[in-house]
Amino acid sequence: MNRQINLNISLTPVSEYDAKAERYIMYFKDFPQAIASGVSEDEAENNLIFLVEDMWKKRKDDLRNFLLKNYGEQIRIQSSVKC
């Protein structure tokens, strides 16, 4: 049996400039557990995307719980049997 989860969610990015550190801080309003920084907004955004992807690989249970809690109604699980 093969299980596939199709999930289409929108996360709202928040970008703040830390003048003292001279860096941009970025996180998703809907997912503040992941925070990244960079010398430019583009770098901070790329770091944030990488971080979320890395978290997906290493902290699957935490992310699964977060997604089910916040987006459970939007998650559709499709099962199919491959012969």
N, C-alpha and C. Protein backbone atom coordinates (compact mmCIF):
# COMPACT_ATOMS: atom_id res chain seq x y z
N MET A 1 0.85 -1.17 0.00
CA MET A 1 0.00 0.00 0.00
C MET A 1 0.89 1.23 0.00
N ASN A 2 0.48 2.21 -0.74
CA ASN A 2 1.20 3.46 -0.83
C ASN A 2 0.34 4.57 -0.26
N ARG A 3 0.89 5.39 0.59
CA ARG A 3 0.12 6.48 1.20
C ARG A 3 0.74 7.81 0.78
N GLN A 4 -0.11 8.70 0.34
CA GLN A 4 0.36 10.01 -0.10
C GLN A 4 -0.50 11.07 0.56
N ILE A 5 0.16 12.10 1.06
CA ILE A 5 -0.57 13.21 1.66
C ILE A 5 -0.40 14.43 0.77
N ASN A 6 -1.51 14.96 0.33
CA ASN A 6 -1.49 16.19 -0.46
C ASN A 6 -1.88 17.34 0.45
N LEU A 7 -1.00 18.30 0.55
CA LEU A 7 -1.24 19.42 1.44
C LEU A 7 -0.89 20.70 0.72
N ASN A 8 -1.83 21.59 0.67
CA ASN A 8 -1.60 22.89 0.05
C ASN A 8 -1.96 23.94 1.09
N ILE A 9 -0.94 24.53 1.70
CA ILE A 9 -1.17 25.54 2.73
C ILE A 9 -0.39 26.80 2.37
N SER A 10 -0.84 27.90 2.89
CA SER A 10 -0.13 29.16 2.71
C SER A 10 0.36 29.63 4.07
N LEU A 11 1.63 29.93 4.14
CA LEU A 11 2.21 30.45 5.37
C LEU A 11 2.58 31.91 5.12
N THR A 12 2.29 32.75 6.09
CA THR A 12 2.53 34.19 5.96
C THR A 12 3.91 34.53 6.50
N PRO A 13 4.85 34.97 5.62
CA PRO A 13 6.18 35.30 6.11
C PRO A 13 6.20 36.65 6.83
N VAL A 14 7.02 36.73 7.86
CA VAL A 14 7.23 37.97 8.60
C VAL A 14 8.72 38.25 8.56
N SER A 15 9.06 39.46 8.12
CA SER A 15 10.46 39.85 8.02
C SER A 15 10.68 41.09 8.89
N GLU A 16 11.71 41.04 9.70
CA GLU A 16 12.06 42.17 10.57
C GLU A 16 13.55 42.43 10.43
N TYR A 17 13.91 43.69 10.47
CA TYR A 17 15.33 44.04 10.41
C TYR A 17 15.83 44.31 11.82
N ASP A 18 16.90 43.64 12.19
CA ASP A 18 17.54 43.85 13.47
C ASP A 18 18.75 44.75 13.24
N ALA A 19 18.58 46.04 13.52
CA ALA A 19 19.64 47.02 13.25
C ALA A 19 20.90 46.74 14.06
N LYS A 20 20.72 46.26 15.27
CA LYS A 20 21.88 45.99 16.12
C LYS A 20 22.74 44.86 15.54
N ALA A 21 22.08 43.81 15.05
CA ALA A 21 22.79 42.68 14.47
C ALA A 21 23.05 42.87 12.98
N GLU A 22 22.42 43.89 12.38
CA GLU A 22 22.52 44.16 10.95
C GLU A 22 22.12 42.94 10.12
N ARG A 23 21.01 42.34 10.52
CA ARG A 23 20.50 41.14 9.83
C ARG A 23 18.98 41.20 9.77
N TYR A 24 18.45 40.51 8.78
CA TYR A 24 17.01 40.33 8.69
C TYR A 24 16.63 39.04 9.40
N ILE A 25 15.57 39.09 10.15
CA ILE A 25 15.03 37.92 10.84
C ILE A 25 13.72 37.58 10.14
N MET A 26 13.53 36.32 9.82
CA MET A 26 12.32 35.92 9.12
C MET A 26 11.75 34.64 9.73
N TYR A 27 10.43 34.61 9.80
CA TYR A 27 9.70 33.43 10.26
C TYR A 27 8.33 33.48 9.62
N PHE A 28 7.60 32.38 9.75
CA PHE A 28 6.23 32.35 9.25
C PHE A 28 5.29 32.66 10.42
N LYS A 29 4.39 33.60 10.21
CA LYS A 29 3.43 33.99 11.25
C LYS A 29 2.68 32.76 11.77
N ASP A 30 2.34 31.86 10.86
CA ASP A 30 1.56 30.67 11.20
C ASP A 30 2.43 29.56 11.77
N PHE A 31 3.75 29.69 11.68
CA PHE A 31 4.67 28.64 12.12
C PHE A 31 5.92 29.28 12.73
N PRO A 32 5.76 29.93 13.89
CA PRO A 32 6.86 30.68 14.49
C PRO A 32 7.97 29.82 15.09
N GLN A 33 7.82 28.50 15.04
CA GLN A 33 8.85 27.62 15.59
C GLN A 33 10.14 27.69 14.76
N ALA A 34 10.03 28.08 13.50
CA ALA A 34 11.20 28.16 12.63
C ALA A 34 11.56 29.62 12.41
N ILE A 35 12.78 29.99 12.79
CA ILE A 35 13.26 31.36 12.65
C ILE A 35 14.60 31.32 11.94
N ALA A 36 14.75 32.16 10.93
CA ALA A 36 16.01 32.21 10.19
C ALA A 36 16.45 33.66 10.04
N SER A 37 17.71 33.84 9.70
CA SER A 37 18.21 35.19 9.50
C SER A 37 19.12 35.23 8.29
N GLY A 38 19.42 36.45 7.85
CA GLY A 38 20.33 36.64 6.73
C GLY A 38 20.68 38.11 6.60
N VAL A 39 21.73 38.40 5.84
CA VAL A 39 22.14 39.80 5.67
C VAL A 39 21.19 40.54 4.73
N SER A 40 20.39 39.81 3.96
CA SER A 40 19.36 40.41 3.10
C SER A 40 18.05 39.66 3.34
N GLU A 41 16.94 40.24 2.90
CA GLU A 41 15.66 39.54 3.04
C GLU A 41 15.66 38.25 2.22
N ASP A 42 16.26 38.30 1.03
CA ASP A 42 16.32 37.10 0.19
C ASP A 42 17.09 35.98 0.87
N GLU A 43 18.22 36.33 1.48
CA GLU A 43 19.01 35.31 2.17
C GLU A 43 18.24 34.74 3.36
N ALA A 44 17.57 35.61 4.12
CA ALA A 44 16.78 35.15 5.26
C ALA A 44 15.66 34.22 4.79
N GLU A 45 15.00 34.59 3.69
CA GLU A 45 13.92 33.75 3.16
C GLU A 45 14.43 32.39 2.71
N ASN A 46 15.55 32.38 1.99
CA ASN A 46 16.14 31.11 1.55
C ASN A 46 16.54 30.25 2.74
N ASN A 47 17.12 30.88 3.77
CA ASN A 47 17.49 30.13 4.98
C ASN A 47 16.26 29.57 5.68
N LEU A 48 15.17 30.33 5.69
CA LEU A 48 13.94 29.87 6.32
C LEU A 48 13.36 28.67 5.59
N ILE A 49 13.35 28.72 4.28
CA ILE A 49 12.84 27.60 3.49
C ILE A 49 13.69 26.36 3.73
N PHE A 50 15.01 26.53 3.72
CA PHE A 50 15.90 25.41 4.00
C PHE A 50 15.64 24.84 5.39
N LEU A 51 15.45 25.73 6.38
CA LEU A 51 15.20 25.29 7.75
C LEU A 51 13.92 24.47 7.85
N VAL A 52 12.85 24.94 7.23
CA VAL A 52 11.57 24.21 7.28
C VAL A 52 11.72 22.85 6.61
N GLU A 53 12.41 22.80 5.48
CA GLU A 53 12.65 21.51 4.81
C GLU A 53 13.45 20.57 5.71
N ASP A 54 14.47 21.12 6.37
CA ASP A 54 15.30 20.32 7.27
C ASP A 54 14.49 19.82 8.47
N MET A 55 13.63 20.71 9.00
CA MET A 55 12.77 20.30 10.12
C MET A 55 11.82 19.19 9.70
N TRP A 56 11.34 19.27 8.47
CA TRP A 56 10.43 18.24 7.96
C TRP A 56 11.11 16.88 7.98
N LYS A 57 12.39 16.86 7.66
CA LYS A 57 13.13 15.60 7.63
C LYS A 57 13.46 15.10 9.04
N LYS A 58 13.83 16.02 9.95
CA LYS A 58 14.35 15.62 11.26
C LYS A 58 13.33 15.64 12.38
N ARG A 59 12.28 16.42 12.25
CA ARG A 59 11.29 16.56 13.33
C ARG A 59 9.89 16.29 12.79
N LYS A 60 9.74 15.15 12.15
CA LYS A 60 8.47 14.83 11.48
C LYS A 60 7.28 14.84 12.44
N ASP A 61 7.46 14.31 13.64
CA ASP A 61 6.34 14.25 14.58
C ASP A 61 5.87 15.65 14.99
N ASP A 62 6.81 16.55 15.26
CA ASP A 62 6.45 17.91 15.63
C ASP A 62 5.69 18.61 14.51
N LEU A 63 6.20 18.46 13.29
CA LEU A 63 5.55 19.11 12.16
C LEU A 63 4.20 18.47 11.85
N ARG A 64 4.13 17.16 11.95
CA ARG A 64 2.85 16.48 11.70
C ARG A 64 1.80 16.97 12.69
N ASN A 65 2.17 17.07 13.97
CA ASN A 65 1.22 17.56 14.98
C ASN A 65 0.80 19.00 14.69
N PHE A 66 1.75 19.84 14.33
CA PHE A 66 1.44 21.22 14.00
C PHE A 66 0.47 21.29 12.81
N LEU A 67 0.77 20.53 11.76
CA LEU A 67 -0.08 20.57 10.57
C LEU A 67 -1.47 20.05 10.86
N LEU A 68 -1.57 18.95 11.61
CA LEU A 68 -2.88 18.41 11.94
C LEU A 68 -3.68 19.37 12.80
N LYS A 69 -3.02 20.01 13.75
CA LYS A 69 -3.71 20.95 14.63
C LYS A 69 -4.23 22.17 13.88
N ASN A 70 -3.40 22.71 12.98
CA ASN A 70 -3.73 23.96 12.31
C ASN A 70 -4.37 23.81 10.93
N TYR A 71 -4.13 22.69 10.28
CA TYR A 71 -4.61 22.52 8.91
C TYR A 71 -5.32 21.19 8.70
N GLY A 72 -5.74 20.56 9.78
CA GLY A 72 -6.32 19.22 9.70
C GLY A 72 -7.46 19.09 8.72
N GLU A 73 -8.28 20.11 8.61
CA GLU A 73 -9.42 20.03 7.71
C GLU A 73 -9.01 20.07 6.24
N GLN A 74 -7.82 20.56 5.95
CA GLN A 74 -7.35 20.67 4.57
C GLN A 74 -6.54 19.45 4.11
N ILE A 75 -6.17 18.59 5.04
CA ILE A 75 -5.32 17.45 4.71
C ILE A 75 -6.17 16.32 4.15
N ARG A 76 -5.76 15.81 3.02
CA ARG A 76 -6.43 14.68 2.39
C ARG A 76 -5.41 13.56 2.21
N ILE A 77 -5.70 12.41 2.75
CA ILE A 77 -4.80 11.26 2.62
C ILE A 77 -5.37 10.35 1.55
N GLN A 78 -4.55 10.02 0.57
CA GLN A 78 -4.97 9.14 -0.50
C GLN A 78 -4.16 7.85 -0.41
N SER A 79 -4.85 6.74 -0.44
CA SER A 79 -4.16 5.45 -0.41
C SER A 79 -4.38 4.75 -1.73
N SER A 80 -3.35 4.09 -2.18
CA SER A 80 -3.47 3.30 -3.41
C SER A 80 -2.61 2.06 -3.27
N VAL A 81 -2.99 1.03 -3.95
CA VAL A 81 -2.26 -0.23 -3.91
C VAL A 81 -1.53 -0.39 -5.22
N LYS A 82 -0.22 -0.64 -5.14
CA LYS A 82 0.57 -0.89 -6.35
C LYS A 82 0.86 -2.37 -6.44
N CYS A 83 0.58 -2.94 -7.57
CA CYS A 83 0.84 -4.38 -7.79
C CYS A 83 2.04 -4.58 -8.67
